[in-house]
Amino acid sequence: MSWFSASELPATLAFARARELGLLSPDVLVRDHLPESAGGGRDTITVRPLCEMRTRG
């Protein structure tokens, strides 16, 4: 069992609930919710790849 995937279900449930309540959209920029993540080429990253557990590498 990989411990790295242990957070996927809780994260998915939290996102689904936030989306249901209208608090979060998959197409909003991450920097809009986490301003400290802006810069360094990360200004155009949306929430969608985070929810899909994807990486660029």
N, C-alpha and C. Protein backbone atom coordinates (compact mmCIF):
# COMPACT_ATOMS: atom_id res chain seq x y z
N MET A 1 0.84 -1.18 0.00
CA MET A 1 0.00 0.00 0.00
C MET A 1 0.88 1.24 0.00
N SER A 2 0.56 2.15 -0.89
CA SER A 2 1.31 3.40 -0.95
C SER A 2 0.68 4.44 -0.04
N TRP A 3 1.47 5.01 0.85
CA TRP A 3 0.98 6.04 1.75
C TRP A 3 0.78 7.36 1.02
N PHE A 4 1.38 7.51 -0.14
CA PHE A 4 1.23 8.74 -0.89
C PHE A 4 -0.18 8.93 -1.41
N SER A 5 -0.93 7.86 -1.59
CA SER A 5 -2.29 7.99 -2.10
C SER A 5 -3.32 7.98 -0.99
N ALA A 6 -2.89 7.93 0.25
CA ALA A 6 -3.82 7.89 1.37
C ALA A 6 -4.65 9.16 1.50
N SER A 7 -4.15 10.27 0.97
CA SER A 7 -4.87 11.55 1.08
C SER A 7 -5.84 11.80 -0.08
N GLU A 8 -5.83 10.96 -1.09
CA GLU A 8 -6.66 11.22 -2.27
C GLU A 8 -8.15 11.23 -1.96
N LEU A 9 -8.64 10.27 -1.22
CA LEU A 9 -10.07 10.22 -0.93
C LEU A 9 -10.52 11.41 -0.09
N PRO A 10 -9.87 11.72 1.03
CA PRO A 10 -10.30 12.90 1.79
C PRO A 10 -10.21 14.19 0.98
N ALA A 11 -9.18 14.34 0.18
CA ALA A 11 -9.04 15.55 -0.64
C ALA A 11 -10.16 15.63 -1.68
N THR A 12 -10.50 14.52 -2.28
CA THR A 12 -11.57 14.49 -3.27
C THR A 12 -12.91 14.83 -2.62
N LEU A 13 -13.17 14.27 -1.46
CA LEU A 13 -14.42 14.56 -0.76
C LEU A 13 -14.50 16.02 -0.35
N ALA A 14 -13.40 16.58 0.12
CA ALA A 14 -13.37 17.99 0.53
C ALA A 14 -13.61 18.89 -0.67
N PHE A 15 -12.97 18.59 -1.80
CA PHE A 15 -13.18 19.40 -2.99
C PHE A 15 -14.62 19.30 -3.47
N ALA A 16 -15.17 18.09 -3.49
CA ALA A 16 -16.54 17.90 -3.95
C ALA A 16 -17.51 18.70 -3.10
N ARG A 17 -17.30 18.71 -1.81
CA ARG A 17 -18.18 19.47 -0.91
C ARG A 17 -18.02 20.98 -1.13
N ALA A 18 -16.77 21.44 -1.28
CA ALA A 18 -16.53 22.86 -1.53
C ALA A 18 -17.15 23.29 -2.85
N ARG A 19 -17.07 22.44 -3.85
CA ARG A 19 -17.68 22.76 -5.15
C ARG A 19 -19.19 22.78 -5.03
N GLU A 20 -19.74 21.83 -4.30
CA GLU A 20 -21.18 21.75 -4.09
C GLU A 20 -21.71 23.02 -3.41
N LEU A 21 -20.93 23.57 -2.49
CA LEU A 21 -21.31 24.78 -1.77
C LEU A 21 -20.99 26.06 -2.55
N GLY A 22 -20.37 25.91 -3.71
CA GLY A 22 -20.02 27.06 -4.53
C GLY A 22 -18.78 27.79 -4.05
N LEU A 23 -17.96 27.14 -3.25
CA LEU A 23 -16.77 27.77 -2.70
C LEU A 23 -15.54 27.61 -3.59
N LEU A 24 -15.56 26.64 -4.48
CA LEU A 24 -14.39 26.33 -5.28
C LEU A 24 -14.81 25.79 -6.63
N SER A 25 -14.07 26.16 -7.65
CA SER A 25 -14.33 25.69 -9.01
C SER A 25 -13.03 25.09 -9.55
N PRO A 26 -13.10 24.05 -10.37
CA PRO A 26 -11.88 23.45 -10.90
C PRO A 26 -11.12 24.37 -11.84
N ASP A 27 -11.78 25.40 -12.36
CA ASP A 27 -11.12 26.27 -13.34
C ASP A 27 -10.62 27.59 -12.76
N VAL A 28 -10.74 27.77 -11.47
CA VAL A 28 -10.22 28.98 -10.83
C VAL A 28 -8.71 28.83 -10.62
N LEU A 29 -8.00 29.93 -10.65
CA LEU A 29 -6.55 29.89 -10.44
C LEU A 29 -6.22 29.61 -8.98
N VAL A 30 -5.22 28.78 -8.77
CA VAL A 30 -4.78 28.45 -7.41
C VAL A 30 -4.38 29.73 -6.67
N ARG A 31 -3.72 30.66 -7.36
CA ARG A 31 -3.25 31.89 -6.71
C ARG A 31 -4.39 32.73 -6.16
N ASP A 32 -5.62 32.53 -6.67
CA ASP A 32 -6.77 33.26 -6.13
C ASP A 32 -7.12 32.80 -4.72
N HIS A 33 -6.81 31.56 -4.40
CA HIS A 33 -7.10 31.02 -3.07
C HIS A 33 -5.85 30.94 -2.20
N LEU A 34 -4.70 30.79 -2.83
CA LEU A 34 -3.42 30.71 -2.11
C LEU A 34 -2.44 31.70 -2.73
N PRO A 35 -2.55 32.97 -2.38
CA PRO A 35 -1.70 33.99 -3.00
C PRO A 35 -0.21 33.72 -2.85
N GLU A 36 0.18 33.04 -1.79
CA GLU A 36 1.59 32.75 -1.59
C GLU A 36 2.14 31.76 -2.62
N SER A 37 1.25 31.12 -3.38
CA SER A 37 1.71 30.17 -4.40
C SER A 37 1.99 30.86 -5.74
N ALA A 38 1.74 32.16 -5.84
CA ALA A 38 1.95 32.88 -7.10
C ALA A 38 3.44 33.07 -7.37
N GLY A 39 3.76 33.25 -8.63
CA GLY A 39 5.14 33.48 -9.04
C GLY A 39 5.84 32.19 -9.41
N GLY A 40 7.01 32.31 -9.94
CA GLY A 40 7.79 31.13 -10.30
C GLY A 40 7.16 30.27 -11.37
N GLY A 41 6.37 30.89 -12.26
CA GLY A 41 5.74 30.12 -13.32
C GLY A 41 4.47 29.42 -12.90
N ARG A 42 4.00 29.69 -11.71
CA ARG A 42 2.80 29.00 -11.20
C ARG A 42 1.54 29.87 -11.29
N ASP A 43 1.62 31.01 -11.94
CA ASP A 43 0.50 31.95 -11.98
C ASP A 43 -0.69 31.46 -12.79
N THR A 44 -0.51 30.51 -13.67
CA THR A 44 -1.61 30.06 -14.52
C THR A 44 -2.14 28.68 -14.14
N ILE A 45 -1.69 28.13 -13.04
CA ILE A 45 -2.15 26.80 -12.61
C ILE A 45 -3.55 26.92 -12.01
N THR A 46 -4.44 26.07 -12.51
CA THR A 46 -5.81 26.05 -11.97
C THR A 46 -5.93 24.95 -10.92
N VAL A 47 -7.06 24.93 -10.26
CA VAL A 47 -7.33 23.92 -9.23
C VAL A 47 -7.50 22.53 -9.85
N ARG A 48 -7.92 22.48 -11.12
CA ARG A 48 -8.23 21.20 -11.78
C ARG A 48 -7.10 20.16 -11.69
N PRO A 49 -5.84 20.47 -12.06
CA PRO A 49 -4.81 19.43 -11.98
C PRO A 49 -4.53 18.98 -10.54
N LEU A 50 -4.77 19.86 -9.58
CA LEU A 50 -4.59 19.46 -8.19
C LEU A 50 -5.66 18.45 -7.78
N CYS A 51 -6.88 18.68 -8.25
CA CYS A 51 -7.97 17.77 -7.93
C CYS A 51 -7.82 16.43 -8.64
N GLU A 52 -7.20 16.46 -9.79
CA GLU A 52 -7.01 15.23 -10.56
C GLU A 52 -5.71 14.52 -10.16
N MET A 53 -5.00 15.08 -9.18
CA MET A 53 -3.77 14.51 -8.68
C MET A 53 -2.74 14.32 -9.79
N ARG A 54 -2.67 15.31 -10.69
CA ARG A 54 -1.72 15.27 -11.79
C ARG A 54 -0.52 16.16 -11.49
N THR A 55 0.58 15.83 -12.10
CA THR A 55 1.77 16.66 -12.01
C THR A 55 2.27 16.93 -13.41
N ARG A 56 3.18 17.87 -13.54
CA ARG A 56 3.71 18.20 -14.85
C ARG A 56 4.89 17.31 -15.24
N GLY A 57 5.40 16.56 -14.35
CA GLY A 57 6.61 15.79 -14.63
C GLY A 57 6.35 14.46 -15.05
